Amino acid sequence: MVILKKKEFASLTQKIKRGCEMAEEMNKKQDSKVKSMKKPNMGDMIQIIKGEAKGKKGRVIVLRDNSVIVEIGVNTKTDEPIKTVVNHKNYKLI
């Protein structure tokens, strides 16, 4: 068990409060960046900038909270659409 003096306890409490305030500020900054980023609508064209399909362009077919489902082409043998899921951070609107 640790016994702290009154001054030590007050100093420790202030440091914890400052740390919490800094964390809250960082969260607010990150939230504002996410809110300011324009999300696409269904049917919009995007270009994938990260991941396995990097550089490919596609049409948004489903919009989710953290990602979009994109049709990036058609399989020539089966005529089925090629779809992939892309996180909002990993594409840009065209």
C-alpha atoms as a PDB file:
ATOM      1  CA  MET A   1       0.000   0.000   0.000  1.00  0.00           C
ATOM      2  CA  VAL A   2       1.291   3.448  -0.950  1.00  0.00           C
ATOM      3  CA  ILE A   3       0.715   6.432   1.301  1.00  0.00           C
ATOM      4  CA  LEU A   4       0.868   9.822  -0.424  1.00  0.00           C
ATOM      5  CA  LYS A   5       1.203  13.231   1.133  1.00  0.00           C
ATOM      6  CA  LYS A   6      -1.523  15.745   0.430  1.00  0.00           C
ATOM      7  CA  LYS A   7       0.690  17.766  -1.988  1.00  0.00           C
ATOM      8  CA  GLU A   8       1.789  14.628  -3.866  1.00  0.00           C
ATOM      9  CA  PHE A   9      -1.821  13.497  -4.214  1.00  0.00           C
ATOM     10  CA  ALA A  10      -2.913  16.906  -5.529  1.00  0.00           C
ATOM     11  CA  SER A  11      -0.036  16.955  -8.035  1.00  0.00           C
ATOM     12  CA  LEU A  12      -0.861  13.447  -9.251  1.00  0.00           C
ATOM     13  CA  THR A  13      -4.539  14.334  -9.601  1.00  0.00           C
ATOM     14  CA  GLN A  14      -3.688  17.413 -11.714  1.00  0.00           C
ATOM     15  CA  LYS A  15      -1.477  15.324 -14.022  1.00  0.00           C
ATOM     16  CA  ILE A  16      -4.263  12.808 -14.532  1.00  0.00           C
ATOM     17  CA  LYS A  17      -6.755  15.583 -15.308  1.00  0.00           C
ATOM     18  CA  ARG A  18      -4.354  17.135 -17.857  1.00  0.00           C
ATOM     19  CA  GLY A  19      -3.858  13.749 -19.492  1.00  0.00           C
ATOM     20  CA  CYS A  20      -7.621  13.236 -19.767  1.00  0.00           C
ATOM     21  CA  GLU A  21      -8.094  16.717 -21.235  1.00  0.00           C
ATOM     22  CA  MET A  22      -5.396  16.075 -23.845  1.00  0.00           C
ATOM     23  CA  ALA A  23      -7.012  12.760 -24.804  1.00  0.00           C
ATOM     24  CA  GLU A  24     -10.409  14.445 -25.181  1.00  0.00           C
ATOM     25  CA  GLU A  25      -8.896  17.143 -27.428  1.00  0.00           C
ATOM     26  CA  MET A  26      -7.292  14.505 -29.642  1.00  0.00           C
ATOM     27  CA  ASN A  27     -10.598  12.621 -29.911  1.00  0.00           C
ATOM     28  CA  LYS A  28     -12.409  15.828 -30.911  1.00  0.00           C
ATOM     29  CA  LYS A  29      -9.824  16.539 -33.626  1.00  0.00           C
ATOM     30  CA  GLN A  30     -10.130  13.012 -35.016  1.00  0.00           C
ATOM     31  CA  ASP A  31     -13.940  13.166 -34.920  1.00  0.00           C
ATOM     32  CA  SER A  32     -13.939  16.462 -36.810  1.00  0.00           C
ATOM     33  CA  LYS A  33     -11.669  14.962 -39.503  1.00  0.00           C
ATOM     34  CA  VAL A  34     -13.992  11.989 -39.936  1.00  0.00           C
ATOM     35  CA  LYS A  35     -17.091  14.212 -40.063  1.00  0.00           C
ATOM     36  CA  SER A  36     -15.506  16.576 -42.586  1.00  0.00           C
ATOM     37  CA  MET A  37     -14.613  13.713 -44.945  1.00  0.00           C
ATOM     38  CA  LYS A  38     -17.295  13.508 -47.634  1.00  0.00           C
ATOM     39  CA  LYS A  39     -18.754  10.035 -47.931  1.00  0.00           C
ATOM     40  CA  PRO A  40     -20.014   8.829 -51.303  1.00  0.00           C
ATOM     41  CA  ASN A  41     -23.567   8.014 -52.264  1.00  0.00           C
ATOM     42  CA  MET A  42     -24.688   4.842 -53.986  1.00  0.00           C
ATOM     43  CA  GLY A  43     -23.687   4.989 -57.631  1.00  0.00           C
ATOM     44  CA  ASP A  44     -20.706   7.331 -57.103  1.00  0.00           C
ATOM     45  CA  MET A  45     -17.353   6.456 -58.646  1.00  0.00           C
ATOM     46  CA  ILE A  46     -14.333   5.995 -56.366  1.00  0.00           C
ATOM     47  CA  GLN A  47     -10.666   5.140 -56.800  1.00  0.00           C
ATOM     48  CA  ILE A  48      -9.085   2.724 -54.325  1.00  0.00           C
ATOM     49  CA  ILE A  49      -5.839   4.127 -52.886  1.00  0.00           C
ATOM     50  CA  LYS A  50      -4.796   1.332 -50.484  1.00  0.00           C
ATOM     51  CA  GLY A  51      -5.017  -2.418 -50.355  1.00  0.00           C
ATOM     52  CA  GLU A  52      -5.113  -5.310 -52.784  1.00  0.00           C
ATOM     53  CA  ALA A  53      -7.208  -3.441 -55.363  1.00  0.00           C
ATOM     54  CA  LYS A  54      -5.057  -0.267 -55.216  1.00  0.00           C
ATOM     55  CA  GLY A  55      -5.486   1.941 -58.281  1.00  0.00           C
ATOM     56  CA  LYS A  56      -8.738   0.357 -59.440  1.00  0.00           C
ATOM     57  CA  LYS A  57     -11.865   2.400 -59.992  1.00  0.00           C
ATOM     58  CA  GLY A  58     -15.351   1.235 -59.178  1.00  0.00           C
ATOM     59  CA  ARG A  59     -18.963   2.165 -58.569  1.00  0.00           C
ATOM     60  CA  VAL A  60     -20.362   2.214 -55.010  1.00  0.00           C
ATOM     61  CA  ILE A  61     -23.194  -0.289 -54.682  1.00  0.00           C
ATOM     62  CA  VAL A  62     -23.610  -0.432 -50.873  1.00  0.00           C
ATOM     63  CA  LEU A  63     -22.766   2.212 -48.266  1.00  0.00           C
ATOM     64  CA  ARG A  64     -21.915   1.053 -44.723  1.00  0.00           C
ATOM     65  CA  ASP A  65     -20.850   2.947 -41.570  1.00  0.00           C
ATOM     66  CA  ASN A  66     -17.137   2.147 -41.892  1.00  0.00           C
ATOM     67  CA  SER A  67     -16.842   0.938 -45.471  1.00  0.00           C
ATOM     68  CA  VAL A  68     -18.385   0.714 -48.922  1.00  0.00           C
ATOM     69  CA  ILE A  69     -18.974  -2.231 -51.231  1.00  0.00           C
ATOM     70  CA  VAL A  70     -17.718  -1.450 -54.713  1.00  0.00           C
ATOM     71  CA  GLU A  71     -18.213  -3.144 -58.068  1.00  0.00           C
ATOM     72  CA  ILE A  72     -14.808  -2.996 -59.754  1.00  0.00           C
ATOM     73  CA  GLY A  73     -15.450  -5.105 -62.826  1.00  0.00           C
ATOM     74  CA  VAL A  74     -17.111  -8.148 -64.378  1.00  0.00           C
ATOM     75  CA  ASN A  75     -15.794 -11.712 -64.559  1.00  0.00           C
ATOM     76  CA  THR A  76     -15.578 -12.481 -68.290  1.00  0.00           C
ATOM     77  CA  LYS A  77     -16.150 -16.227 -67.881  1.00  0.00           C
ATOM     78  CA  THR A  78     -19.213 -16.122 -65.633  1.00  0.00           C
ATOM     79  CA  ASP A  79     -20.459 -12.568 -66.319  1.00  0.00           C
ATOM     80  CA  GLU A  80     -20.705 -12.009 -62.549  1.00  0.00           C
ATOM     81  CA  PRO A  81     -19.738  -8.629 -61.054  1.00  0.00           C
ATOM     82  CA  ILE A  82     -16.440  -8.431 -59.156  1.00  0.00           C
ATOM     83  CA  LYS A  83     -17.097  -6.750 -55.818  1.00  0.00           C
ATOM     84  CA  THR A  84     -14.829  -5.694 -52.954  1.00  0.00           C
ATOM     85  CA  VAL A  85     -15.227  -4.021 -49.566  1.00  0.00           C
ATOM     86  CA  VAL A  86     -13.206  -0.838 -49.018  1.00  0.00           C
ATOM     87  CA  ASN A  87     -12.770   1.099 -45.771  1.00  0.00           C
ATOM     88  CA  HIS A  88     -13.622   4.829 -45.965  1.00  0.00           C
ATOM     89  CA  LYS A  89      -9.948   5.692 -45.345  1.00  0.00           C
ATOM     90  CA  ASN A  90      -8.786   3.658 -48.340  1.00  0.00           C
ATOM     91  CA  TYR A  91     -10.440   5.399 -51.290  1.00  0.00           C
ATOM     92  CA  LYS A  92     -11.090   8.799 -52.798  1.00  0.00           C
ATOM     93  CA  LEU A  93     -14.081  10.134 -54.695  1.00  0.00           C
ATOM     94  CA  ILE A  94     -13.649  10.724 -58.407  1.00  0.00           C
END
